[in-house]
Amino acid sequence: MRQLFDIVEPAGRETAVIVEIPHSGLEIPPEFLEPVVAPARAIGRDADLYVDSLYEDAPAEGATVLVARTSRYVIDLNRSENDVDDEVVDGARSDIRFQHGLVWRSTSHGERVLSRRLSRQELDERLDQVWRPYHAALAALVERKLTHFGLVVVIAAHSMPSMERSPGACRGASRERADVVPGTCGMTTAHKCFVEPVEVLVRSRGWKLRHDDPYAGGYTTQRYGHPKERTHAVQIELARRLYLDEETLRPTADFDSARTWCRSLVAKLGEVTRCSAA
C-alpha cells in the first residue's frame, strides 16, 4: 500500500517530543482525484507549505517527526473522524465544529473543492487509507514515548495566513494575525512549563504572540492534551509572512531564521521534558 506519511526518527539523543505535521502535504492520490475541482493554486495556498522543512532539524534535537504527504483536500487530519458535513457526504449529519470539516467543501477563498457530494463508501475509503493509518501511527508514537519517558509532548505544527478577513466587514477588510499562536484550548492541553518556553522564544525575536486566537487547537491537540495523564499537546501556528511570500508561495530570505526558531522550540521543549521526567 502507498505510504502517505513519513516518520523521521531522532538523529540525536531522543526526547519525549513528537512533532506532527498534518497539513504540509500536496498529494491527491489518483483514486480520490475525480471529484476534486479546486484550483491547483488553492491546493498550495491551503496547505501548510514548507512546515515540514521548517522542522527539518527536529530529529537532530531528539524529536520524532510525523509528516503527512496527502493534501487536506483529500481529508483533514486535524479533524475528528465524525466531523462530517452533510453538504459534502451523503447522509452525514451537519454538525461540523469548525468552518471546514473532515472533508472540505470549499477552499479558504470560497472556491468549490468538490464537484459533487461523496458517498459514505468514498469517505470510508479516505478514512481507511489516510486518516486512520496516520492517527494509528501517531497514537503508537505517543504510547512509545509515554512508556519510555513517562510523559510525552506533541507539537502540532501548522502555519496560517498572516491576515484574517473580518467576519461581516466590508469586502477586503482584514486584520493582521499575531506572528505565533500557541493553541492549548485555554491552557488546558499542556502544563504551563511547556507553554512558557514558547512565549519566551517568541519574545526573544520581538514577535507578537496571541494565545488561541484564531486557533485554539484542533483534533490532535484535544486528543493528546491531557496533562493529568502526562500527555501534553501544543498547536503552534506560525504566520506565513515569517518565512513565505504568500502571493508567489515561495520561501523568503527569512526562511532560515524561522527554521532556526523552530529548531530552538523543539530543543527547549526537549530540555524541559528531560527535567520533568527526571
C-alpha atoms as a PDB file:
ATOM      1  CA  MET A   1       0.000   0.000   0.000  1.00  0.00           C
ATOM      2  CA  ARG A   2       1.183   3.522  -0.769  1.00  0.00           C
ATOM      3  CA  GLN A   3       2.855   5.262   2.179  1.00  0.00           C
ATOM      4  CA  LEU A   4       1.019   8.533   2.714  1.00  0.00           C
ATOM      5  CA  PHE A   5       3.086   9.807   5.617  1.00  0.00           C
ATOM      6  CA  ASP A   6       6.692   9.771   6.813  1.00  0.00           C
ATOM      7  CA  ILE A   7       8.091   9.062  10.259  1.00  0.00           C
ATOM      8  CA  VAL A   8      11.528  10.536  10.894  1.00  0.00           C
ATOM      9  CA  GLU A   9      13.202   9.099  13.970  1.00  0.00           C
ATOM     10  CA  PRO A  10      15.559  11.084  16.214  1.00  0.00           C
ATOM     11  CA  ALA A  11      19.105  11.563  14.985  1.00  0.00           C
ATOM     12  CA  GLY A  12      20.297  12.954  18.309  1.00  0.00           C
ATOM     13  CA  ARG A  13      19.603  11.904  21.881  1.00  0.00           C
ATOM     14  CA  GLU A  14      15.906  11.048  21.923  1.00  0.00           C
ATOM     15  CA  THR A  15      13.469  13.207  23.873  1.00  0.00           C
ATOM     16  CA  ALA A  16       9.783  12.886  24.716  1.00  0.00           C
ATOM     17  CA  VAL A  17       8.852  15.335  21.929  1.00  0.00           C
ATOM     18  CA  ILE A  18       6.811  14.468  18.841  1.00  0.00           C
ATOM     19  CA  VAL A  19       6.344  16.962  16.007  1.00  0.00           C
ATOM     20  CA  GLU A  20       3.310  16.099  13.917  1.00  0.00           C
ATOM     21  CA  ILE A  21       2.738  17.968  10.668  1.00  0.00           C
ATOM     22  CA  PRO A  22      -0.661  17.068   9.184  1.00  0.00           C
ATOM     23  CA  HIS A  23      -1.161  19.800   6.578  1.00  0.00           C
ATOM     24  CA  SER A  24       2.066  20.277   4.595  1.00  0.00           C
ATOM     25  CA  GLY A  25       1.195  17.587   2.025  1.00  0.00           C
ATOM     26  CA  LEU A  26       0.120  18.339  -1.553  1.00  0.00           C
ATOM     27  CA  GLU A  27      -0.569  14.867  -2.922  1.00  0.00           C
ATOM     28  CA  ILE A  28      -4.011  13.768  -4.086  1.00  0.00           C
ATOM     29  CA  PRO A  29      -3.905  10.021  -4.795  1.00  0.00           C
ATOM     30  CA  PRO A  30      -5.466   9.117  -8.169  1.00  0.00           C
ATOM     31  CA  GLU A  31      -8.359   7.222  -6.594  1.00  0.00           C
ATOM     32  CA  PHE A  32      -9.507  10.425  -4.857  1.00  0.00           C
ATOM     33  CA  LEU A  33      -8.864  12.853  -7.710  1.00  0.00           C
ATOM     34  CA  GLU A  34     -12.051  12.594  -9.823  1.00  0.00           C
ATOM     35  CA  PRO A  35     -14.384  14.844  -7.756  1.00  0.00           C
ATOM     36  CA  VAL A  36     -11.735  17.479  -6.975  1.00  0.00           C
ATOM     37  CA  VAL A  37     -12.255  20.769  -8.821  1.00  0.00           C
ATOM     38  CA  ALA A  38     -10.226  23.109  -6.590  1.00  0.00           C
ATOM     39  CA  PRO A  39      -7.649  25.198  -8.491  1.00  0.00           C
ATOM     40  CA  ALA A  40      -4.057  23.983  -8.252  1.00  0.00           C
ATOM     41  CA  ARG A  41      -3.033  27.242  -6.599  1.00  0.00           C
ATOM     42  CA  ALA A  42      -5.640  26.677  -3.879  1.00  0.00           C
ATOM     43  CA  ILE A  43      -4.137  23.279  -3.071  1.00  0.00           C
ATOM     44  CA  GLY A  44      -0.866  25.027  -2.285  1.00  0.00           C
ATOM     45  CA  ARG A  45      -2.430  28.064  -0.658  1.00  0.00           C
ATOM     46  CA  ASP A  46      -4.452  25.935   1.781  1.00  0.00           C
ATOM     47  CA  ALA A  47      -1.542  23.664   2.626  1.00  0.00           C
ATOM     48  CA  ASP A  48       0.908  24.480   5.399  1.00  0.00           C
ATOM     49  CA  LEU A  49       3.617  24.854   2.791  1.00  0.00           C
ATOM     50  CA  TYR A  50       7.193  24.136   3.874  1.00  0.00           C
ATOM     51  CA  VAL A  51       6.306  23.496   7.520  1.00  0.00           C
ATOM     52  CA  ASP A  52       7.973  20.103   7.164  1.00  0.00           C
ATOM     53  CA  SER A  53      11.134  21.924   6.071  1.00  0.00           C
ATOM     54  CA  LEU A  54      10.863  24.394   8.940  1.00  0.00           C
ATOM     55  CA  TYR A  55      11.023  21.463  11.368  1.00  0.00           C
ATOM     56  CA  GLU A  56      13.613  19.515   9.401  1.00  0.00           C
ATOM     57  CA  ASP A  57      16.123  19.901  12.237  1.00  0.00           C
ATOM     58  CA  ALA A  58      13.757  18.494  14.877  1.00  0.00           C
ATOM     59  CA  PRO A  59      15.224  14.943  14.721  1.00  0.00           C
ATOM     60  CA  ALA A  60      18.682  16.371  15.406  1.00  0.00           C
ATOM     61  CA  GLU A  61      17.200  17.744  18.645  1.00  0.00           C
ATOM     62  CA  GLY A  62      15.852  14.322  19.624  1.00  0.00           C
ATOM     63  CA  ALA A  63      12.269  14.651  18.442  1.00  0.00           C
ATOM     64  CA  THR A  64      10.323  12.165  16.366  1.00  0.00           C
ATOM     65  CA  VAL A  65       8.579  13.764  13.374  1.00  0.00           C
ATOM     66  CA  LEU A  66       5.392  12.572  11.668  1.00  0.00           C
ATOM     67  CA  VAL A  67       4.668  14.255   8.328  1.00  0.00           C
ATOM     68  CA  ALA A  68       1.605  13.726   6.151  1.00  0.00           C
ATOM     69  CA  ARG A  69       2.084  13.772   2.384  1.00  0.00           C
ATOM     70  CA  THR A  70      -1.596  13.959   1.462  1.00  0.00           C
ATOM     71  CA  SER A  71      -3.449  17.192   0.761  1.00  0.00           C
ATOM     72  CA  ARG A  72      -6.029  18.250   3.312  1.00  0.00           C
ATOM     73  CA  TYR A  73      -8.439  18.388   0.348  1.00  0.00           C
ATOM     74  CA  VAL A  74      -8.486  14.573   0.488  1.00  0.00           C
ATOM     75  CA  ILE A  75      -9.155  14.503   4.231  1.00  0.00           C
ATOM     76  CA  ASP A  76      -8.255  16.856   7.057  1.00  0.00           C
ATOM     77  CA  LEU A  77      -6.071  15.031   9.545  1.00  0.00           C
ATOM     78  CA  ASN A  78      -6.695  17.664  12.215  1.00  0.00           C
ATOM     79  CA  ARG A  79     -10.409  16.956  12.384  1.00  0.00           C
ATOM     80  CA  SER A  80     -12.333  14.275  14.220  1.00  0.00           C
ATOM     81  CA  GLU A  81     -13.395  11.197  12.286  1.00  0.00           C
ATOM     82  CA  ASN A  82     -17.003  12.217  12.994  1.00  0.00           C
ATOM     83  CA  ASP A  83     -16.666  15.865  11.946  1.00  0.00           C
ATOM     84  CA  VAL A  84     -18.581  15.326   8.710  1.00  0.00           C
ATOM     85  CA  ASP A  85     -20.632  17.857   6.764  1.00  0.00           C
ATOM     86  CA  ASP A  86     -23.901  16.801   5.124  1.00  0.00           C
ATOM     87  CA  GLU A  87     -23.118  19.113   2.189  1.00  0.00           C
ATOM     88  CA  VAL A  88     -20.028  17.032   1.487  1.00  0.00           C
ATOM     89  CA  VAL A  89     -21.049  13.454   2.318  1.00  0.00           C
ATOM     90  CA  ASP A  90     -24.443  11.894   1.566  1.00  0.00           C
ATOM     91  CA  GLY A  91     -26.381  11.075   4.710  1.00  0.00           C
ATOM     92  CA  ALA A  92     -23.998  12.816   7.091  1.00  0.00           C
ATOM     93  CA  ARG A  93     -25.192  14.998   9.948  1.00  0.00           C
ATOM     94  CA  SER A  94     -24.457  18.689   9.589  1.00  0.00           C
ATOM     95  CA  ASP A  95     -22.656  19.177  12.880  1.00  0.00           C
ATOM     96  CA  ILE A  96     -19.159  20.242  11.890  1.00  0.00           C
ATOM     97  CA  ARG A  97     -17.361  22.055  14.694  1.00  0.00           C
ATOM     98  CA  PHE A  98     -15.140  24.233  12.526  1.00  0.00           C
ATOM     99  CA  GLN A  99     -15.528  26.201   9.300  1.00  0.00           C
ATOM    100  CA  HIS A 100     -14.128  23.191   7.467  1.00  0.00           C
ATOM    101  CA  GLY A 101     -14.901  19.632   8.444  1.00  0.00           C
ATOM    102  CA  LEU A 102     -13.189  16.327   7.796  1.00  0.00           C
ATOM    103  CA  VAL A 103     -13.539  16.886   4.039  1.00  0.00           C
ATOM    104  CA  TRP A 104     -13.570  20.489   2.837  1.00  0.00           C
ATOM    105  CA  ARG A 105     -16.483  21.709   0.745  1.00  0.00           C
ATOM    106  CA  SER A 106     -14.762  24.989  -0.243  1.00  0.00           C
ATOM    107  CA  THR A 107     -11.302  26.499  -0.280  1.00  0.00           C
ATOM    108  CA  SER A 108     -10.309  29.261   2.123  1.00  0.00           C
ATOM    109  CA  HIS A 109     -11.188  31.726  -0.666  1.00  0.00           C
ATOM    110  CA  GLY A 110     -14.624  30.233  -1.261  1.00  0.00           C
ATOM    111  CA  GLU A 111     -13.953  28.154  -4.389  1.00  0.00           C
ATOM    112  CA  ARG A 112     -15.510  24.716  -4.625  1.00  0.00           C
ATOM    113  CA  VAL A 113     -13.271  21.815  -3.653  1.00  0.00           C
ATOM    114  CA  LEU A 114     -15.564  19.020  -4.859  1.00  0.00           C
ATOM    115  CA  SER A 115     -17.803  18.769  -7.909  1.00  0.00           C
ATOM    116  CA  ARG A 116     -20.300  16.587  -6.037  1.00  0.00           C
ATOM    117  CA  ARG A 117     -21.063  15.014  -2.703  1.00  0.00           C
ATOM    118  CA  LEU A 118     -19.109  11.959  -1.669  1.00  0.00           C
ATOM    119  CA  SER A 119     -20.816   8.703  -0.857  1.00  0.00           C
ATOM    120  CA  ARG A 120     -20.308   7.209   2.585  1.00  0.00           C
ATOM    121  CA  GLN A 121     -18.224   4.497   0.924  1.00  0.00           C
ATOM    122  CA  GLU A 122     -15.914   7.132  -0.593  1.00  0.00           C
ATOM    123  CA  LEU A 123     -15.483   8.769   2.804  1.00  0.00           C
ATOM    124  CA  ASP A 124     -14.709   5.398   4.380  1.00  0.00           C
ATOM    125  CA  GLU A 125     -12.010   4.813   1.741  1.00  0.00           C
ATOM    126  CA  ARG A 126     -10.375   8.104   2.675  1.00  0.00           C
ATOM    127  CA  LEU A 127     -10.600   7.246   6.356  1.00  0.00           C
ATOM    128  CA  ASP A 128      -9.222   3.729   5.870  1.00  0.00           C
ATOM    129  CA  GLN A 129      -6.391   4.702   3.544  1.00  0.00           C
ATOM    130  CA  VAL A 130      -5.298   8.049   5.010  1.00  0.00           C
ATOM    131  CA  TRP A 131      -6.858   9.214   8.293  1.00  0.00           C
ATOM    132  CA  ARG A 132      -6.844   6.011  10.326  1.00  0.00           C
ATOM    133  CA  PRO A 133      -3.293   4.893   9.405  1.00  0.00           C
ATOM    134  CA  TYR A 134      -1.942   8.368  10.190  1.00  0.00           C
ATOM    135  CA  HIS A 135      -3.605   8.525  13.581  1.00  0.00           C
ATOM    136  CA  ALA A 136      -2.705   4.936  14.374  1.00  0.00           C
ATOM    137  CA  ALA A 137       0.928   5.859  13.723  1.00  0.00           C
ATOM    138  CA  LEU A 138       0.653   8.965  15.901  1.00  0.00           C
ATOM    139  CA  ALA A 139      -1.017   7.009  18.705  1.00  0.00           C
ATOM    140  CA  ALA A 140       1.762   4.416  18.574  1.00  0.00           C
ATOM    141  CA  LEU A 141       4.426   7.126  18.798  1.00  0.00           C
ATOM    142  CA  VAL A 142       2.667   8.737  21.751  1.00  0.00           C
ATOM    143  CA  GLU A 143       2.424   5.402  23.553  1.00  0.00           C
ATOM    144  CA  ARG A 144       6.091   4.634  22.874  1.00  0.00           C
ATOM    145  CA  LYS A 145       7.268   7.963  24.242  1.00  0.00           C
ATOM    146  CA  LEU A 146       4.969   7.716  27.237  1.00  0.00           C
ATOM    147  CA  THR A 147       6.237   4.246  28.075  1.00  0.00           C
ATOM    148  CA  HIS A 148       9.881   5.207  27.666  1.00  0.00           C
ATOM    149  CA  PHE A 149       9.915   8.668  29.238  1.00  0.00           C
ATOM    150  CA  GLY A 150       6.827   8.716  31.432  1.00  0.00           C
ATOM    151  CA  LEU A 151       5.450  11.700  29.550  1.00  0.00           C
ATOM    152  CA  VAL A 152       5.071  12.996  26.010  1.00  0.00           C
ATOM    153  CA  VAL A 153       4.790  16.412  24.381  1.00  0.00           C
ATOM    154  CA  VAL A 154       3.161  16.710  20.967  1.00  0.00           C
ATOM    155  CA  ILE A 155       3.901  19.815  18.931  1.00  0.00           C
ATOM    156  CA  ALA A 156       1.119  20.073  16.349  1.00  0.00           C
ATOM    157  CA  ALA A 157       2.989  22.138  13.747  1.00  0.00           C
ATOM    158  CA  HIS A 158       0.991  24.398  11.460  1.00  0.00           C
ATOM    159  CA  SER A 159       1.116  27.680   9.584  1.00  0.00           C
ATOM    160  CA  MET A 160      -1.620  30.238   8.994  1.00  0.00           C
ATOM    161  CA  PRO A 161      -2.398  33.071   6.599  1.00  0.00           C
ATOM    162  CA  SER A 162      -0.922  36.256   8.032  1.00  0.00           C
ATOM    163  CA  MET A 163      -4.142  38.224   7.577  1.00  0.00           C
ATOM    164  CA  GLU A 164      -7.604  37.307   8.777  1.00  0.00           C
ATOM    165  CA  ARG A 165     -10.672  38.504   6.960  1.00  0.00           C
ATOM    166  CA  SER A 166     -13.007  40.160   9.424  1.00  0.00           C
ATOM    167  CA  PRO A 167     -16.453  38.466   9.527  1.00  0.00           C
ATOM    168  CA  GLY A 168     -19.214  40.774   8.376  1.00  0.00           C
ATOM    169  CA  ALA A 169     -16.786  43.527   7.408  1.00  0.00           C
ATOM    170  CA  CYS A 170     -16.739  45.219   4.033  1.00  0.00           C
ATOM    171  CA  ARG A 171     -15.115  43.390   1.187  1.00  0.00           C
ATOM    172  CA  GLY A 172     -11.365  43.183   1.541  1.00  0.00           C
ATOM    173  CA  ALA A 173     -11.328  44.188   5.218  1.00  0.00           C
ATOM    174  CA  SER A 174      -8.928  42.158   7.300  1.00  0.00           C
ATOM    175  CA  ARG A 175      -6.759  42.233  10.411  1.00  0.00           C
ATOM    176  CA  GLU A 176      -3.195  41.148  10.940  1.00  0.00           C
ATOM    177  CA  ARG A 177      -2.724  37.997  12.964  1.00  0.00           C
ATOM    178  CA  ALA A 178      -0.030  37.523  15.579  1.00  0.00           C
ATOM    179  CA  ASP A 179       3.264  36.026  14.443  1.00  0.00           C
ATOM    180  CA  VAL A 180       2.840  32.923  16.586  1.00  0.00           C
ATOM    181  CA  VAL A 181      -0.360  31.445  18.001  1.00  0.00           C
ATOM    182  CA  PRO A 182       0.030  28.659  20.576  1.00  0.00           C
ATOM    183  CA  GLY A 183      -3.205  26.675  20.757  1.00  0.00           C
ATOM    184  CA  THR A 184      -3.887  24.966  24.062  1.00  0.00           C
ATOM    185  CA  CYS A 185      -7.677  25.264  24.428  1.00  0.00           C
ATOM    186  CA  GLY A 186      -7.381  27.843  27.154  1.00  0.00           C
ATOM    187  CA  MET A 187      -4.152  26.496  28.655  1.00  0.00           C
ATOM    188  CA  THR A 188      -5.757  23.088  29.284  1.00  0.00           C
ATOM    189  CA  THR A 189      -3.881  20.795  26.880  1.00  0.00           C
ATOM    190  CA  ALA A 190      -0.354  21.307  28.214  1.00  0.00           C
ATOM    191  CA  HIS A 191       1.308  22.155  31.505  1.00  0.00           C
ATOM    192  CA  LYS A 192       2.491  25.746  31.687  1.00  0.00           C
ATOM    193  CA  CYS A 193       6.123  24.556  31.700  1.00  0.00           C
ATOM    194  CA  PHE A 194       5.621  23.579  28.046  1.00  0.00           C
ATOM    195  CA  VAL A 195       3.803  26.789  27.118  1.00  0.00           C
ATOM    196  CA  GLU A 196       6.024  29.364  28.795  1.00  0.00           C
ATOM    197  CA  PRO A 197       9.092  28.461  26.664  1.00  0.00           C
ATOM    198  CA  VAL A 198       7.042  29.268  23.558  1.00  0.00           C
ATOM    199  CA  GLU A 199       6.311  32.716  24.968  1.00  0.00           C
ATOM    200  CA  VAL A 200       9.963  33.296  25.854  1.00  0.00           C
ATOM    201  CA  LEU A 201      11.206  32.256  22.415  1.00  0.00           C
ATOM    202  CA  VAL A 202       8.659  34.468  20.676  1.00  0.00           C
ATOM    203  CA  ARG A 203       9.601  37.479  22.793  1.00  0.00           C
ATOM    204  CA  SER A 204      13.286  36.850  22.100  1.00  0.00           C
ATOM    205  CA  ARG A 205      12.575  37.541  18.402  1.00  0.00           C
ATOM    206  CA  GLY A 206      10.415  40.567  19.036  1.00  0.00           C
ATOM    207  CA  TRP A 207       7.468  38.721  17.510  1.00  0.00           C
ATOM    208  CA  LYS A 208       3.845  39.067  18.548  1.00  0.00           C
ATOM    209  CA  LEU A 209       2.064  36.189  20.295  1.00  0.00           C
ATOM    210  CA  ARG A 210      -1.642  35.618  20.855  1.00  0.00           C
ATOM    211  CA  HIS A 211      -2.911  32.502  22.611  1.00  0.00           C
ATOM    212  CA  ASP A 212      -5.709  30.503  20.959  1.00  0.00           C
ATOM    213  CA  ASP A 213      -6.624  33.276  18.514  1.00  0.00           C
ATOM    214  CA  PRO A 214      -7.747  32.338  15.945  1.00  0.00           C
ATOM    215  CA  TYR A 215      -6.837  28.670  16.519  1.00  0.00           C
ATOM    216  CA  ALA A 216      -7.218  27.111  19.959  1.00  0.00           C
ATOM    217  CA  GLY A 217      -6.132  23.634  18.896  1.00  0.00           C
ATOM    218  CA  GLY A 218      -7.673  21.033  16.631  1.00  0.00           C
ATOM    219  CA  TYR A 219      -8.242  17.310  16.876  1.00  0.00           C
ATOM    220  CA  THR A 220      -4.680  16.259  17.716  1.00  0.00           C
ATOM    221  CA  THR A 221      -4.272  18.882  20.426  1.00  0.00           C
ATOM    222  CA  GLN A 222      -7.562  17.913  22.038  1.00  0.00           C
ATOM    223  CA  ARG A 223      -6.922  14.196  21.650  1.00  0.00           C
ATOM    224  CA  TYR A 224      -3.486  14.173  23.276  1.00  0.00           C
ATOM    225  CA  GLY A 225      -3.600  17.226  25.502  1.00  0.00           C
ATOM    226  CA  HIS A 226      -4.270  15.649  28.892  1.00  0.00           C
ATOM    227  CA  PRO A 227      -1.640  16.875  31.352  1.00  0.00           C
ATOM    228  CA  LYS A 228      -3.026  14.801  34.238  1.00  0.00           C
ATOM    229  CA  GLU A 229      -2.223  11.730  32.136  1.00  0.00           C
ATOM    230  CA  ARG A 230       1.244  13.194  31.370  1.00  0.00           C
ATOM    231  CA  THR A 231       0.374  13.730  27.718  1.00  0.00           C
ATOM    232  CA  HIS A 232       0.791  17.342  26.620  1.00  0.00           C
ATOM    233  CA  ALA A 233      -0.060  18.959  23.303  1.00  0.00           C
ATOM    234  CA  VAL A 234       0.537  22.445  21.933  1.00  0.00           C
ATOM    235  CA  GLN A 235      -0.593  23.541  18.497  1.00  0.00           C
ATOM    236  CA  ILE A 236       1.889  26.024  17.026  1.00  0.00           C
ATOM    237  CA  GLU A 237       0.618  28.296  14.272  1.00  0.00           C
ATOM    238  CA  LEU A 238       3.235  30.409  12.503  1.00  0.00           C
ATOM    239  CA  ALA A 239       2.127  33.393  10.432  1.00  0.00           C
ATOM    240  CA  ARG A 240       3.318  32.661   6.913  1.00  0.00           C
ATOM    241  CA  ARG A 241       4.832  36.117   6.489  1.00  0.00           C
ATOM    242  CA  LEU A 242       7.647  34.891   8.780  1.00  0.00           C
ATOM    243  CA  TYR A 243       9.033  32.653   6.034  1.00  0.00           C
ATOM    244  CA  LEU A 244       6.828  32.719   2.918  1.00  0.00           C
ATOM    245  CA  ASP A 245       5.782  35.104   0.153  1.00  0.00           C
ATOM    246  CA  GLU A 246       2.045  34.469   0.324  1.00  0.00           C
ATOM    247  CA  GLU A 247       1.477  35.639  -3.249  1.00  0.00           C
ATOM    248  CA  THR A 248       4.154  33.599  -5.023  1.00  0.00           C
ATOM    249  CA  LEU A 249       4.111  30.757  -2.433  1.00  0.00           C
ATOM    250  CA  ARG A 250       7.906  30.798  -2.413  1.00  0.00           C
ATOM    251  CA  PRO A 251      10.128  30.857   0.680  1.00  0.00           C
ATOM    252  CA  THR A 252      11.589  34.264   1.507  1.00  0.00           C
ATOM    253  CA  ALA A 253      15.026  35.278   2.724  1.00  0.00           C
ATOM    254  CA  ASP A 254      13.684  34.912   6.287  1.00  0.00           C
ATOM    255  CA  PHE A 255      13.065  31.187   5.884  1.00  0.00           C
ATOM    256  CA  ASP A 256      16.286  30.069   7.586  1.00  0.00           C
ATOM    257  CA  SER A 257      15.592  32.385  10.510  1.00  0.00           C
ATOM    258  CA  ALA A 258      12.148  30.821  11.017  1.00  0.00           C
ATOM    259  CA  ARG A 259      13.669  27.362  10.694  1.00  0.00           C
ATOM    260  CA  THR A 260      16.202  28.202  13.405  1.00  0.00           C
ATOM    261  CA  TRP A 261      13.345  29.328  15.652  1.00  0.00           C
ATOM    262  CA  CYS A 262      11.514  26.042  15.133  1.00  0.00           C
ATOM    263  CA  ARG A 263      14.657  24.099  15.995  1.00  0.00           C
ATOM    264  CA  SER A 264      15.079  26.188  19.148  1.00  0.00           C
ATOM    265  CA  LEU A 265      11.491  25.427  20.134  1.00  0.00           C
ATOM    266  CA  VAL A 266      11.955  21.682  19.737  1.00  0.00           C
ATOM    267  CA  ALA A 267      15.267  21.801  21.602  1.00  0.00           C
ATOM    268  CA  LYS A 268      13.821  23.795  24.502  1.00  0.00           C
ATOM    269  CA  LEU A 269      10.774  21.590  24.938  1.00  0.00           C
ATOM    270  CA  GLY A 270      13.032  18.534  24.772  1.00  0.00           C
ATOM    271  CA  GLU A 271      15.157  20.035  27.534  1.00  0.00           C
ATOM    272  CA  VAL A 272      12.057  20.647  29.661  1.00  0.00           C
ATOM    273  CA  THR A 273      10.856  17.065  29.154  1.00  0.00           C
ATOM    274  CA  ARG A 274      14.196  15.737  30.413  1.00  0.00           C
ATOM    275  CA  CYS A 275      13.848  17.794  33.574  1.00  0.00           C
ATOM    276  CA  SER A 276      10.209  16.779  34.018  1.00  0.00           C
ATOM    277  CA  ALA A 277      10.973  13.091  33.547  1.00  0.00           C
ATOM    278  CA  ALA A 278      13.934  13.127  35.943  1.00  0.00           C
END
